[in-house]
Amino acid sequence: MSDKIILTGIEVFGRHGCSVEEQKLGQKFYVDLELNLDLSKVGKSDSYDDTVDYAQVILLVEKIVGGTPRKLIETVAEDLAAKILAEFEKVDSLTVTLHKPNAPLPMTYKDVAVKIFRAR
């Protein structure tokens, strides 16, 4: 499937991390999504019912990333992928990239991220 809905830079405050301080203080996380689905029908129908409501996808991202603290961003990414596939049946597969640009590391770096691909 080469059709995609792409959402980038979804900013959500969350409390994920291995340390108590990370879970207490929290930080901003950024999510990029590539939703793979057939857009040929909606391209012809121009009907909202034939596509995925990406505003609802973003609300789900905010709920998960801003919700229950996890130790690892890998777990948060997995939760995102599973919930999106469960709630949006038109999505055949997706790529989730979860960025944690302020991970507490003892060196200078630009970003830490995990990227996963999941399919039905």
PDB file of N, CA and C in Angstrom:
ATOM      1  N   MET A   1       0.855  -1.182   0.000  1.00  0.00           N
ATOM      2  CA  MET A   1       0.000   0.000   0.000  1.00  0.00           C
ATOM      3  C   MET A   1       0.891   1.232   0.000  1.00  0.00           C
ATOM      4  N   SER A   2       0.702   2.090  -0.972  1.00  0.00           N
ATOM      5  CA  SER A   2       1.537   3.291  -1.036  1.00  0.00           C
ATOM      6  C   SER A   2       0.806   4.554  -0.591  1.00  0.00           C
ATOM      7  N   ASP A   3      -0.502   4.458  -0.323  1.00  0.00           N
ATOM      8  CA  ASP A   3      -1.246   5.620   0.154  1.00  0.00           C
ATOM      9  C   ASP A   3      -0.989   5.799   1.648  1.00  0.00           C
ATOM     10  N   LYS A   4      -0.857   7.066   2.068  1.00  0.00           N
ATOM     11  CA  LYS A   4      -0.551   7.349   3.466  1.00  0.00           C
ATOM     12  C   LYS A   4      -1.234   8.623   3.925  1.00  0.00           C
ATOM     13  N   ILE A   5      -1.586   8.650   5.184  1.00  0.00           N
ATOM     14  CA  ILE A   5      -1.875   9.891   5.896  1.00  0.00           C
ATOM     15  C   ILE A   5      -0.693  10.063   6.836  1.00  0.00           C
ATOM     16  N   ILE A   6      -0.042  11.219   6.753  1.00  0.00           N
ATOM     17  CA  ILE A   6       1.170  11.468   7.525  1.00  0.00           C
ATOM     18  C   ILE A   6       0.914  12.606   8.508  1.00  0.00           C
ATOM     19  N   LEU A   7       1.186  12.332   9.770  1.00  0.00           N
ATOM     20  CA  LEU A   7       1.053  13.324  10.837  1.00  0.00           C
ATOM     21  C   LEU A   7       2.420  13.451  11.494  1.00  0.00           C
ATOM     22  N   THR A   8       2.968  14.649  11.548  1.00  0.00           N
ATOM     23  CA  THR A   8       4.313  14.818  12.101  1.00  0.00           C
ATOM     24  C   THR A   8       4.339  15.874  13.196  1.00  0.00           C
ATOM     25  N   GLY A   9       5.192  15.618  14.157  1.00  0.00           N
ATOM     26  CA  GLY A   9       5.443  16.606  15.205  1.00  0.00           C
ATOM     27  C   GLY A   9       4.300  16.807  16.183  1.00  0.00           C
ATOM     28  N   ILE A  10       3.522  15.761  16.453  1.00  0.00           N
ATOM     29  CA  ILE A  10       2.453  15.876  17.444  1.00  0.00           C
ATOM     30  C   ILE A  10       3.126  16.002  18.812  1.00  0.00           C
ATOM     31  N   GLU A  11       2.932  17.129  19.457  1.00  0.00           N
ATOM     32  CA  GLU A  11       3.604  17.421  20.732  1.00  0.00           C
ATOM     33  C   GLU A  11       2.686  17.091  21.897  1.00  0.00           C
ATOM     34  N   VAL A  12       3.188  16.265  22.811  1.00  0.00           N
ATOM     35  CA  VAL A  12       2.404  15.863  23.975  1.00  0.00           C
ATOM     36  C   VAL A  12       3.307  15.834  25.202  1.00  0.00           C
ATOM     37  N   PHE A  13       2.833  16.385  26.296  1.00  0.00           N
ATOM     38  CA  PHE A  13       3.553  16.316  27.563  1.00  0.00           C
ATOM     39  C   PHE A  13       3.268  14.965  28.200  1.00  0.00           C
ATOM     40  N   GLY A  14       4.329  14.255  28.564  1.00  0.00           N
ATOM     41  CA  GLY A  14       4.170  12.946  29.183  1.00  0.00           C
ATOM     42  C   GLY A  14       5.165  12.751  30.305  1.00  0.00           C
ATOM     43  N   ARG A  15       5.025  11.648  31.008  1.00  0.00           N
ATOM     44  CA  ARG A  15       5.859  11.366  32.177  1.00  0.00           C
ATOM     45  C   ARG A  15       6.528  10.002  32.060  1.00  0.00           C
ATOM     46  N   HIS A  16       7.098   9.719  30.903  1.00  0.00           N
ATOM     47  CA  HIS A  16       7.704   8.414  30.655  1.00  0.00           C
ATOM     48  C   HIS A  16       9.205   8.466  30.918  1.00  0.00           C
ATOM     49  N   GLY A  17       9.710   7.414  31.547  1.00  0.00           N
ATOM     50  CA  GLY A  17      11.137   7.319  31.805  1.00  0.00           C
ATOM     51  C   GLY A  17      11.408   6.342  32.923  1.00  0.00           C
ATOM     52  N   CYS A  18      12.649   5.930  33.023  1.00  0.00           N
ATOM     53  CA  CYS A  18      13.038   4.939  34.032  1.00  0.00           C
ATOM     54  C   CYS A  18      13.234   5.554  35.406  1.00  0.00           C
ATOM     55  N   SER A  19      13.548   6.829  35.456  1.00  0.00           N
ATOM     56  CA  SER A  19      13.825   7.436  36.760  1.00  0.00           C
ATOM     57  C   SER A  19      12.552   8.040  37.360  1.00  0.00           C
ATOM     58  N   VAL A  20      12.563   8.106  38.682  1.00  0.00           N
ATOM     59  CA  VAL A  20      11.446   8.719  39.401  1.00  0.00           C
ATOM     60  C   VAL A  20      11.313  10.191  38.990  1.00  0.00           C
ATOM     61  N   GLU A  21      12.449  10.859  38.787  1.00  0.00           N
ATOM     62  CA  GLU A  21      12.433  12.269  38.410  1.00  0.00           C
ATOM     63  C   GLU A  21      11.745  12.483  37.063  1.00  0.00           C
ATOM     64  N   GLU A  22      12.031  11.620  36.098  1.00  0.00           N
ATOM     65  CA  GLU A  22      11.394  11.738  34.785  1.00  0.00           C
ATOM     66  C   GLU A  22       9.885  11.572  34.902  1.00  0.00           C
ATOM     67  N   GLN A  23       9.459  10.613  35.692  1.00  0.00           N
ATOM     68  CA  GLN A  23       8.029  10.373  35.824  1.00  0.00           C
ATOM     69  C   GLN A  23       7.357  11.469  36.652  1.00  0.00           C
ATOM     70  N   LYS A  24       8.105  12.091  37.540  1.00  0.00           N
ATOM     71  CA  LYS A  24       7.549  13.178  38.353  1.00  0.00           C
ATOM     72  C   LYS A  24       7.496  14.489  37.571  1.00  0.00           C
ATOM     73  N   LEU A  25       8.604  14.855  36.937  1.00  0.00           N
ATOM     74  CA  LEU A  25       8.693  16.141  36.244  1.00  0.00           C
ATOM     75  C   LEU A  25       8.064  16.121  34.859  1.00  0.00           C
ATOM     76  N   GLY A  26       8.204  15.015  34.142  1.00  0.00           N
ATOM     77  CA  GLY A  26       7.674  14.914  32.787  1.00  0.00           C
ATOM     78  C   GLY A  26       8.460  15.751  31.791  1.00  0.00           C
ATOM     79  N   GLN A  27       8.079  15.652  30.535  1.00  0.00           N
ATOM     80  CA  GLN A  27       8.712  16.405  29.461  1.00  0.00           C
ATOM     81  C   GLN A  27       7.864  16.300  28.202  1.00  0.00           C
ATOM     82  N   LYS A  28       8.248  17.050  27.185  1.00  0.00           N
ATOM     83  CA  LYS A  28       7.549  16.993  25.907  1.00  0.00           C
ATOM     84  C   LYS A  28       8.056  15.817  25.078  1.00  0.00           C
ATOM     85  N   PHE A  29       7.123  15.119  24.490  1.00  0.00           N
ATOM     86  CA  PHE A  29       7.406  14.046  23.537  1.00  0.00           C
ATOM     87  C   PHE A  29       6.809  14.465  22.204  1.00  0.00           C
ATOM     88  N   TYR A  30       7.366  13.952  21.115  1.00  0.00           N
ATOM     89  CA  TYR A  30       6.868  14.263  19.774  1.00  0.00           C
ATOM     90  C   TYR A  30       6.611  12.953  19.041  1.00  0.00           C
ATOM     91  N   VAL A  31       5.475  12.902  18.358  1.00  0.00           N
ATOM     92  CA  VAL A  31       5.069  11.690  17.663  1.00  0.00           C
ATOM     93  C   VAL A  31       4.894  11.991  16.178  1.00  0.00           C
ATOM     94  N   ASP A  32       5.453  11.122  15.347  1.00  0.00           N
ATOM     95  CA  ASP A  32       5.227  11.141  13.903  1.00  0.00           C
ATOM     96  C   ASP A  32       4.519   9.839  13.545  1.00  0.00           C
ATOM     97  N   LEU A  33       3.489   9.931  12.727  1.00  0.00           N
ATOM     98  CA  LEU A  33       2.740   8.754  12.292  1.00  0.00           C
ATOM     99  C   LEU A  33       2.648   8.705  10.785  1.00  0.00           C
ATOM    100  N   GLU A  34       2.794   7.519  10.241  1.00  0.00           N
ATOM    101  CA  GLU A  34       2.473   7.248   8.840  1.00  0.00           C
ATOM    102  C   GLU A  34       1.417   6.163   8.854  1.00  0.00           C
ATOM    103  N   LEU A  35       0.202   6.536   8.486  1.00  0.00           N
ATOM    104  CA  LEU A  35      -0.909   5.597   8.447  1.00  0.00           C
ATOM    105  C   LEU A  35      -1.066   5.112   7.011  1.00  0.00           C
ATOM    106  N   ASN A  36      -0.919   3.815   6.805  1.00  0.00           N
ATOM    107  CA  ASN A  36      -1.029   3.236   5.472  1.00  0.00           C
ATOM    108  C   ASN A  36      -2.446   2.701   5.277  1.00  0.00           C
ATOM    109  N   LEU A  37      -3.103   3.213   4.256  1.00  0.00           N
ATOM    110  CA  LEU A  37      -4.469   2.816   3.960  1.00  0.00           C
ATOM    111  C   LEU A  37      -4.786   3.143   2.516  1.00  0.00           C
ATOM    112  N   ASP A  38      -5.843   2.564   2.012  1.00  0.00           N
ATOM    113  CA  ASP A  38      -6.276   2.811   0.638  1.00  0.00           C
ATOM    114  C   ASP A  38      -7.071   4.114   0.599  1.00  0.00           C
ATOM    115  N   LEU A  39      -6.548   5.110  -0.099  1.00  0.00           N
ATOM    116  CA  LEU A  39      -7.220   6.401  -0.211  1.00  0.00           C
ATOM    117  C   LEU A  39      -7.930   6.577  -1.548  1.00  0.00           C
ATOM    118  N   SER A  40      -7.976   5.521  -2.368  1.00  0.00           N
ATOM    119  CA  SER A  40      -8.592   5.657  -3.695  1.00  0.00           C
ATOM    120  C   SER A  40     -10.090   5.937  -3.607  1.00  0.00           C
ATOM    121  N   LYS A  41     -10.772   5.296  -2.670  1.00  0.00           N
ATOM    122  CA  LYS A  41     -12.222   5.503  -2.547  1.00  0.00           C
ATOM    123  C   LYS A  41     -12.534   6.931  -2.129  1.00  0.00           C
ATOM    124  N   VAL A  42     -11.860   7.424  -1.091  1.00  0.00           N
ATOM    125  CA  VAL A  42     -12.118   8.791  -0.634  1.00  0.00           C
ATOM    126  C   VAL A  42     -11.668   9.816  -1.678  1.00  0.00           C
ATOM    127  N   GLY A  43     -10.636   9.459  -2.443  1.00  0.00           N
ATOM    128  CA  GLY A  43     -10.193  10.357  -3.508  1.00  0.00           C
ATOM    129  C   GLY A  43     -11.268  10.581  -4.567  1.00  0.00           C
ATOM    130  N   LYS A  44     -12.129   9.599  -4.731  1.00  0.00           N
ATOM    131  CA  LYS A  44     -13.227   9.710  -5.702  1.00  0.00           C
ATOM    132  C   LYS A  44     -14.516  10.217  -5.064  1.00  0.00           C
ATOM    133  N   SER A  45     -14.771   9.796  -3.834  1.00  0.00           N
ATOM    134  CA  SER A  45     -16.050  10.128  -3.196  1.00  0.00           C
ATOM    135  C   SER A  45     -16.054  11.496  -2.530  1.00  0.00           C
ATOM    136  N   ASP A  46     -14.894  11.952  -2.078  1.00  0.00           N
ATOM    137  CA  ASP A  46     -14.777  13.186  -1.304  1.00  0.00           C
ATOM    138  C   ASP A  46     -15.658  13.130  -0.055  1.00  0.00           C
ATOM    139  N   SER A  47     -15.833  11.913   0.473  1.00  0.00           N
ATOM    140  CA  SER A  47     -16.681  11.698   1.642  1.00  0.00           C
ATOM    141  C   SER A  47     -15.818  11.432   2.867  1.00  0.00           C
ATOM    142  N   TYR A  48     -16.126  12.148   3.911  1.00  0.00           N
ATOM    143  CA  TYR A  48     -15.422  12.012   5.180  1.00  0.00           C
ATOM    144  C   TYR A  48     -15.489  10.587   5.721  1.00  0.00           C
ATOM    145  N   ASP A  49     -16.564   9.880   5.421  1.00  0.00           N
ATOM    146  CA  ASP A  49     -16.756   8.508   5.908  1.00  0.00           C
ATOM    147  C   ASP A  49     -15.789   7.507   5.282  1.00  0.00           C
ATOM    148  N   ASP A  50     -15.129   7.887   4.194  1.00  0.00           N
ATOM    149  CA  ASP A  50     -14.240   6.973   3.482  1.00  0.00           C
ATOM    150  C   ASP A  50     -12.774   7.134   3.858  1.00  0.00           C
ATOM    151  N   THR A  51     -12.510   7.912   4.899  1.00  0.00           N
ATOM    152  CA  THR A  51     -11.125   8.129   5.309  1.00  0.00           C
ATOM    153  C   THR A  51     -10.991   7.966   6.822  1.00  0.00           C
ATOM    154  N   VAL A  52      -9.837   8.287   7.348  1.00  0.00           N
ATOM    155  CA  VAL A  52      -9.580   8.240   8.783  1.00  0.00           C
ATOM    156  C   VAL A  52      -9.604   9.672   9.310  1.00  0.00           C
ATOM    157  N   ASP A  53     -10.315   9.870  10.376  1.00  0.00           N
ATOM    158  CA  ASP A  53     -10.392  11.183  11.016  1.00  0.00           C
ATOM    159  C   ASP A  53      -9.094  11.409  11.792  1.00  0.00           C
ATOM    160  N   TYR A  54      -8.172  12.136  11.187  1.00  0.00           N
ATOM    161  CA  TYR A  54      -6.872  12.277  11.831  1.00  0.00           C
ATOM    162  C   TYR A  54      -6.916  13.164  13.063  1.00  0.00           C
ATOM    163  N   ALA A  55      -7.954  13.974  13.226  1.00  0.00           N
ATOM    164  CA  ALA A  55      -8.114  14.700  14.488  1.00  0.00           C
ATOM    165  C   ALA A  55      -8.363  13.710  15.628  1.00  0.00           C
ATOM    166  N   GLN A  56      -9.125  12.649  15.351  1.00  0.00           N
ATOM    167  CA  GLN A  56      -9.365  11.614  16.363  1.00  0.00           C
ATOM    168  C   GLN A  56      -8.089  10.811  16.641  1.00  0.00           C
ATOM    169  N   VAL A  57      -7.278  10.608  15.615  1.00  0.00           N
ATOM    170  CA  VAL A  57      -6.001   9.927  15.812  1.00  0.00           C
ATOM    171  C   VAL A  57      -5.123  10.750  16.754  1.00  0.00           C
ATOM    172  N   ILE A  58      -5.069  12.053  16.533  1.00  0.00           N
ATOM    173  CA  ILE A  58      -4.254  12.927  17.374  1.00  0.00           C
ATOM    174  C   ILE A  58      -4.762  12.919  18.815  1.00  0.00           C
ATOM    175  N   LEU A  59      -6.075  12.928  18.993  1.00  0.00           N
ATOM    176  CA  LEU A  59      -6.625  12.852  20.352  1.00  0.00           C
ATOM    177  C   LEU A  59      -6.217  11.552  21.046  1.00  0.00           C
ATOM    178  N   LEU A  60      -6.184  10.457  20.297  1.00  0.00           N
ATOM    179  CA  LEU A  60      -5.746   9.175  20.857  1.00  0.00           C
ATOM    180  C   LEU A  60      -4.265   9.229  21.240  1.00  0.00           C
ATOM    181  N   VAL A  61      -3.452   9.849  20.384  1.00  0.00           N
ATOM    182  CA  VAL A  61      -2.022  10.026  20.692  1.00  0.00           C
ATOM    183  C   VAL A  61      -1.864  10.820  21.989  1.00  0.00           C
ATOM    184  N   GLU A  62      -2.610  11.906  22.117  1.00  0.00           N
ATOM    185  CA  GLU A  62      -2.528  12.724  23.334  1.00  0.00           C
ATOM    186  C   GLU A  62      -2.937  11.924  24.567  1.00  0.00           C
ATOM    187  N   LYS A  63      -3.966  11.098  24.436  1.00  0.00           N
ATOM    188  CA  LYS A  63      -4.439  10.285  25.563  1.00  0.00           C
ATOM    189  C   LYS A  63      -3.381   9.272  26.000  1.00  0.00           C
ATOM    190  N   ILE A  64      -2.731   8.623  25.047  1.00  0.00           N
ATOM    191  CA  ILE A  64      -1.756   7.586  25.379  1.00  0.00           C
ATOM    192  C   ILE A  64      -0.436   8.181  25.867  1.00  0.00           C
ATOM    193  N   VAL A  65       0.117   9.114  25.105  1.00  0.00           N
ATOM    194  CA  VAL A  65       1.404   9.700  25.489  1.00  0.00           C
ATOM    195  C   VAL A  65       1.262  10.543  26.758  1.00  0.00           C
ATOM    196  N   GLY A  66       0.134  11.197  26.909  1.00  0.00           N
ATOM    197  CA  GLY A  66      -0.104  12.004  28.104  1.00  0.00           C
ATOM    198  C   GLY A  66      -0.683  11.217  29.263  1.00  0.00           C
ATOM    199  N   GLY A  67      -0.868   9.921  29.069  1.00  0.00           N
ATOM    200  CA  GLY A  67      -1.518   9.089  30.080  1.00  0.00           C
ATOM    201  C   GLY A  67      -0.555   8.353  30.985  1.00  0.00           C
ATOM    202  N   THR A  68      -0.865   7.107  31.233  1.00  0.00           N
ATOM    203  CA  THR A  68      -0.117   6.284  32.182  1.00  0.00           C
ATOM    204  C   THR A  68       1.380   6.295  31.902  1.00  0.00           C
ATOM    205  N   PRO A  69       2.188   6.696  32.884  1.00  0.00           N
ATOM    206  CA  PRO A  69       3.640   6.700  32.681  1.00  0.00           C
ATOM    207  C   PRO A  69       4.179   5.286  32.429  1.00  0.00           C
ATOM    208  N   ARG A  70       5.111   5.211  31.495  1.00  0.00           N
ATOM    209  CA  ARG A  70       5.814   3.957  31.179  1.00  0.00           C
ATOM    210  C   ARG A  70       7.295   4.196  31.395  1.00  0.00           C
ATOM    211  N   LYS A  71       8.025   3.145  31.629  1.00  0.00           N
ATOM    212  CA  LYS A  71       9.474   3.280  31.775  1.00  0.00           C
ATOM    213  C   LYS A  71      10.140   3.517  30.429  1.00  0.00           C
ATOM    214  N   LEU A  72       9.653   2.851  29.390  1.00  0.00           N
ATOM    215  CA  LEU A  72      10.333   2.877  28.094  1.00  0.00           C
ATOM    216  C   LEU A  72       9.456   3.467  26.996  1.00  0.00           C
ATOM    217  N   ILE A  73      10.088   4.268  26.129  1.00  0.00           N
ATOM    218  CA  ILE A  73       9.325   4.828  25.011  1.00  0.00           C
ATOM    219  C   ILE A  73       8.972   3.745  23.996  1.00  0.00           C
ATOM    220  N   GLU A  74       9.696   2.639  24.015  1.00  0.00           N
ATOM    221  CA  GLU A  74       9.336   1.513  23.150  1.00  0.00           C
ATOM    222  C   GLU A  74       7.939   1.001  23.504  1.00  0.00           C
ATOM    223  N   THR A  75       7.633   0.965  24.784  1.00  0.00           N
ATOM    224  CA  THR A  75       6.314   0.520  25.238  1.00  0.00           C
ATOM    225  C   THR A  75       5.236   1.506  24.820  1.00  0.00           C
ATOM    226  N   VAL A  76       5.524   2.793  24.928  1.00  0.00           N
ATOM    227  CA  VAL A  76       4.554   3.818  24.522  1.00  0.00           C
ATOM    228  C   VAL A  76       4.277   3.711  23.019  1.00  0.00           C
ATOM    229  N   ALA A  77       5.318   3.528  22.228  1.00  0.00           N
ATOM    230  CA  ALA A  77       5.145   3.378  20.777  1.00  0.00           C
ATOM    231  C   ALA A  77       4.300   2.151  20.454  1.00  0.00           C
ATOM    232  N   GLU A  78       4.555   1.065  21.148  1.00  0.00           N
ATOM    233  CA  GLU A  78       3.769  -0.165  20.937  1.00  0.00           C
ATOM    234  C   GLU A  78       2.305   0.052  21.304  1.00  0.00           C
ATOM    235  N   ASP A  79       2.056   0.743  22.413  1.00  0.00           N
ATOM    236  CA  ASP A  79       0.680   1.067  22.808  1.00  0.00           C
ATOM    237  C   ASP A  79      -0.010   1.895  21.724  1.00  0.00           C
ATOM    238  N   LEU A  80       0.700   2.894  21.210  1.00  0.00           N
ATOM    239  CA  LEU A  80       0.134   3.739  20.151  1.00  0.00           C
ATOM    240  C   LEU A  80      -0.256   2.913  18.930  1.00  0.00           C
ATOM    241  N   ALA A  81       0.653   2.089  18.473  1.00  0.00           N
ATOM    242  CA  ALA A  81       0.390   1.289  17.273  1.00  0.00           C
ATOM    243  C   ALA A  81      -0.802   0.362  17.485  1.00  0.00           C
ATOM    244  N   ALA A  82      -0.827  -0.323  18.615  1.00  0.00           N
ATOM    245  CA  ALA A  82      -1.909  -1.278  18.881  1.00  0.00           C
ATOM    246  C   ALA A  82      -3.266  -0.585  18.960  1.00  0.00           C
ATOM    247  N   LYS A  83      -3.326   0.553  19.642  1.00  0.00           N
ATOM    248  CA  LYS A  83      -4.600   1.250  19.812  1.00  0.00           C
ATOM    249  C   LYS A  83      -5.083   1.861  18.498  1.00  0.00           C
ATOM    250  N   ILE A  84      -4.172   2.391  17.703  1.00  0.00           N
ATOM    251  CA  ILE A  84      -4.578   2.961  16.412  1.00  0.00           C
ATOM    252  C   ILE A  84      -5.121   1.865  15.507  1.00  0.00           C
ATOM    253  N   LEU A  85      -4.433   0.738  15.429  1.00  0.00           N
ATOM    254  CA  LEU A  85      -4.932  -0.370  14.607  1.00  0.00           C
ATOM    255  C   LEU A  85      -6.275  -0.886  15.119  1.00  0.00           C
ATOM    256  N   ALA A  86      -6.462  -0.899  16.432  1.00  0.00           N
ATOM    257  CA  ALA A  86      -7.716  -1.388  17.009  1.00  0.00           C
ATOM    258  C   ALA A  86      -8.885  -0.434  16.763  1.00  0.00           C
ATOM    259  N   GLU A  87      -8.618   0.851  16.795  1.00  0.00           N
ATOM    260  CA  GLU A  87      -9.704   1.831  16.717  1.00  0.00           C
ATOM    261  C   GLU A  87      -9.984   2.380  15.324  1.00  0.00           C
ATOM    262  N   PHE A  88      -9.045   2.218  14.402  1.00  0.00           N
ATOM    263  CA  PHE A  88      -9.221   2.775  13.059  1.00  0.00           C
ATOM    264  C   PHE A  88      -9.064   1.649  12.045  1.00  0.00           C
ATOM    265  N   GLU A  89     -10.166   1.000  11.728  1.00  0.00           N
ATOM    266  CA  GLU A  89     -10.137  -0.216  10.914  1.00  0.00           C
ATOM    267  C   GLU A  89      -9.674   0.019   9.480  1.00  0.00           C
ATOM    268  N   LYS A  90      -9.734   1.245   8.998  1.00  0.00           N
ATOM    269  CA  LYS A  90      -9.277   1.518   7.631  1.00  0.00           C
ATOM    270  C   LYS A  90      -7.745   1.515   7.526  1.00  0.00           C
ATOM    271  N   VAL A  91      -7.055   1.662   8.652  1.00  0.00           N
ATOM    272  CA  VAL A  91      -5.588   1.658   8.662  1.00  0.00           C
ATOM    273  C   VAL A  91      -5.102   0.217   8.540  1.00  0.00           C
ATOM    274  N   ASP A  92      -4.357  -0.060   7.466  1.00  0.00           N
ATOM    275  CA  ASP A  92      -3.819  -1.399   7.236  1.00  0.00           C
ATOM    276  C   ASP A  92      -2.526  -1.648   8.013  1.00  0.00           C
ATOM    277  N   SER A  93      -1.710  -0.609   8.093  1.00  0.00           N
ATOM    278  CA  SER A  93      -0.441  -0.688   8.812  1.00  0.00           C
ATOM    279  C   SER A  93      -0.011   0.735   9.135  1.00  0.00           C
ATOM    280  N   LEU A  94       1.000   0.845   9.988  1.00  0.00           N
ATOM    281  CA  LEU A  94       1.461   2.181  10.346  1.00  0.00           C
ATOM    282  C   LEU A  94       2.892   2.146  10.841  1.00  0.00           C
ATOM    283  N   THR A  95       3.516   3.298  10.755  1.00  0.00           N
ATOM    284  CA  THR A  95       4.824   3.516  11.348  1.00  0.00           C
ATOM    285  C   THR A  95       4.656   4.579  12.416  1.00  0.00           C
ATOM    286  N   VAL A  96       5.150   4.290  13.605  1.00  0.00           N
ATOM    287  CA  VAL A  96       5.124   5.224  14.726  1.00  0.00           C
ATOM    288  C   VAL A  96       6.561   5.597  15.043  1.00  0.00           C
ATOM    289  N   THR A  97       6.844   6.882  15.080  1.00  0.00           N
ATOM    290  CA  THR A  97       8.133   7.373  15.559  1.00  0.00           C
ATOM    291  C   THR A  97       7.856   8.224  16.790  1.00  0.00           C
ATOM    292  N   LEU A  98       8.454   7.843  17.904  1.00  0.00           N
ATOM    293  CA  LEU A  98       8.265   8.574  19.154  1.00  0.00           C
ATOM    294  C   LEU A  98       9.601   9.183  19.561  1.00  0.00           C
ATOM    295  N   HIS A  99       9.621  10.509  19.640  1.00  0.00           N
ATOM    296  CA  HIS A  99      10.835  11.266  19.957  1.00  0.00           C
ATOM    297  C   HIS A  99      10.825  11.681  21.424  1.00  0.00           C
ATOM    298  N   LYS A 100      11.979  11.536  22.055  1.00  0.00           N
ATOM    299  CA  LYS A 100      12.196  11.985  23.431  1.00  0.00           C
ATOM    300  C   LYS A 100      13.453  12.850  23.424  1.00  0.00           C
ATOM    301  N   PRO A 101      13.312  14.103  23.001  1.00  0.00           N
ATOM    302  CA  PRO A 101      14.501  14.943  22.795  1.00  0.00           C
ATOM    303  C   PRO A 101      15.206  15.385  24.064  1.00  0.00           C
ATOM    304  N   ASN A 102      14.587  15.188  25.212  1.00  0.00           N
ATOM    305  CA  ASN A 102      15.224  15.598  26.475  1.00  0.00           C
ATOM    306  C   ASN A 102      15.498  14.418  27.397  1.00  0.00           C
ATOM    307  N   ALA A 103      15.820  13.283  26.802  1.00  0.00           N
ATOM    308  CA  ALA A 103      16.187  12.123  27.616  1.00  0.00           C
ATOM    309  C   ALA A 103      17.425  12.482  28.449  1.00  0.00           C
ATOM    310  N   PRO A 104      17.449  12.062  29.702  1.00  0.00           N
ATOM    311  CA  PRO A 104      18.571  12.432  30.579  1.00  0.00           C
ATOM    312  C   PRO A 104      19.822  11.605  30.287  1.00  0.00           C
ATOM    313  N   LEU A 105      20.576  12.059  29.313  1.00  0.00           N
ATOM    314  CA  LEU A 105      21.816  11.380  28.933  1.00  0.00           C
ATOM    315  C   LEU A 105      23.007  12.283  29.259  1.00  0.00           C
ATOM    316  N   PRO A 106      24.158  11.716  29.570  1.00  0.00           N
ATOM    317  CA  PRO A 106      25.304  12.516  30.003  1.00  0.00           C
ATOM    318  C   PRO A 106      26.138  13.094  28.864  1.00  0.00           C
ATOM    319  N   MET A 107      25.548  13.266  27.694  1.00  0.00           N
ATOM    320  CA  MET A 107      26.283  13.854  26.577  1.00  0.00           C
ATOM    321  C   MET A 107      25.334  14.726  25.766  1.00  0.00           C
ATOM    322  N   THR A 108      25.896  15.497  24.841  1.00  0.00           N
ATOM    323  CA  THR A 108      25.087  16.344  23.983  1.00  0.00           C
ATOM    324  C   THR A 108      24.566  15.533  22.813  1.00  0.00           C
ATOM    325  N   TYR A 109      23.294  15.683  22.517  1.00  0.00           N
ATOM    326  CA  TYR A 109      22.671  14.980  21.397  1.00  0.00           C
ATOM    327  C   TYR A 109      21.458  15.788  20.945  1.00  0.00           C
ATOM    328  N   LYS A 110      20.969  15.507  19.772  1.00  0.00           N
ATOM    329  CA  LYS A 110      19.823  16.234  19.236  1.00  0.00           C
ATOM    330  C   LYS A 110      18.496  15.565  19.584  1.00  0.00           C
ATOM    331  N   ASP A 111      18.442  14.235  19.525  1.00  0.00           N
ATOM    332  CA  ASP A 111      17.165  13.556  19.698  1.00  0.00           C
ATOM    333  C   ASP A 111      17.405  12.088  20.023  1.00  0.00           C
ATOM    334  N   VAL A 112      16.464  11.519  20.735  1.00  0.00           N
ATOM    335  CA  VAL A 112      16.374  10.077  20.944  1.00  0.00           C
ATOM    336  C   VAL A 112      14.993   9.687  20.465  1.00  0.00           C
ATOM    337  N   ALA A 113      14.911   8.648  19.652  1.00  0.00           N
ATOM    338  CA  ALA A 113      13.602   8.239  19.135  1.00  0.00           C
ATOM    339  C   ALA A 113      13.571   6.736  18.915  1.00  0.00           C
ATOM    340  N   VAL A 114      12.356   6.201  18.933  1.00  0.00           N
ATOM    341  CA  VAL A 114      12.133   4.831  18.499  1.00  0.00           C
ATOM    342  C   VAL A 114      11.163   4.867  17.331  1.00  0.00           C
ATOM    343  N   LYS A 115      11.351   3.958  16.396  1.00  0.00           N
ATOM    344  CA  LYS A 115      10.466   3.865  15.233  1.00  0.00           C
ATOM    345  C   LYS A 115      10.050   2.416  15.101  1.00  0.00           C
ATOM    346  N   ILE A 116       8.724   2.194  15.029  1.00  0.00           N
ATOM    347  CA  ILE A 116       8.219   0.845  14.851  1.00  0.00           C
ATOM    348  C   ILE A 116       7.216   0.804  13.705  1.00  0.00           C
ATOM    349  N   PHE A 117       7.135  -0.339  13.054  1.00  0.00           N
ATOM    350  CA  PHE A 117       6.150  -0.597  12.013  1.00  0.00           C
ATOM    351  C   PHE A 117       5.285  -1.747  12.474  1.00  0.00           C
ATOM    352  N   ARG A 118       3.964  -1.570  12.374  1.00  0.00           N
ATOM    353  CA  ARG A 118       3.036  -2.633  12.738  1.00  0.00           C
ATOM    354  C   ARG A 118       1.954  -2.735  11.665  1.00  0.00           C
ATOM    355  N   ALA A 119       1.488  -3.955  11.432  1.00  0.00           N
ATOM    356  CA  ALA A 119       0.446  -4.201  10.437  1.00  0.00           C
ATOM    357  C   ALA A 119      -0.595  -5.143  11.028  1.00  0.00           C
ATOM    358  N   ARG A 120      -1.732  -5.163  10.408  1.00  0.00           N
ATOM    359  CA  ARG A 120      -2.798  -6.087  10.846  1.00  0.00           C
ATOM    360  C   ARG A 120      -2.390  -7.512  10.583  1.00  0.00           C
TER     361      ARG A 120
END
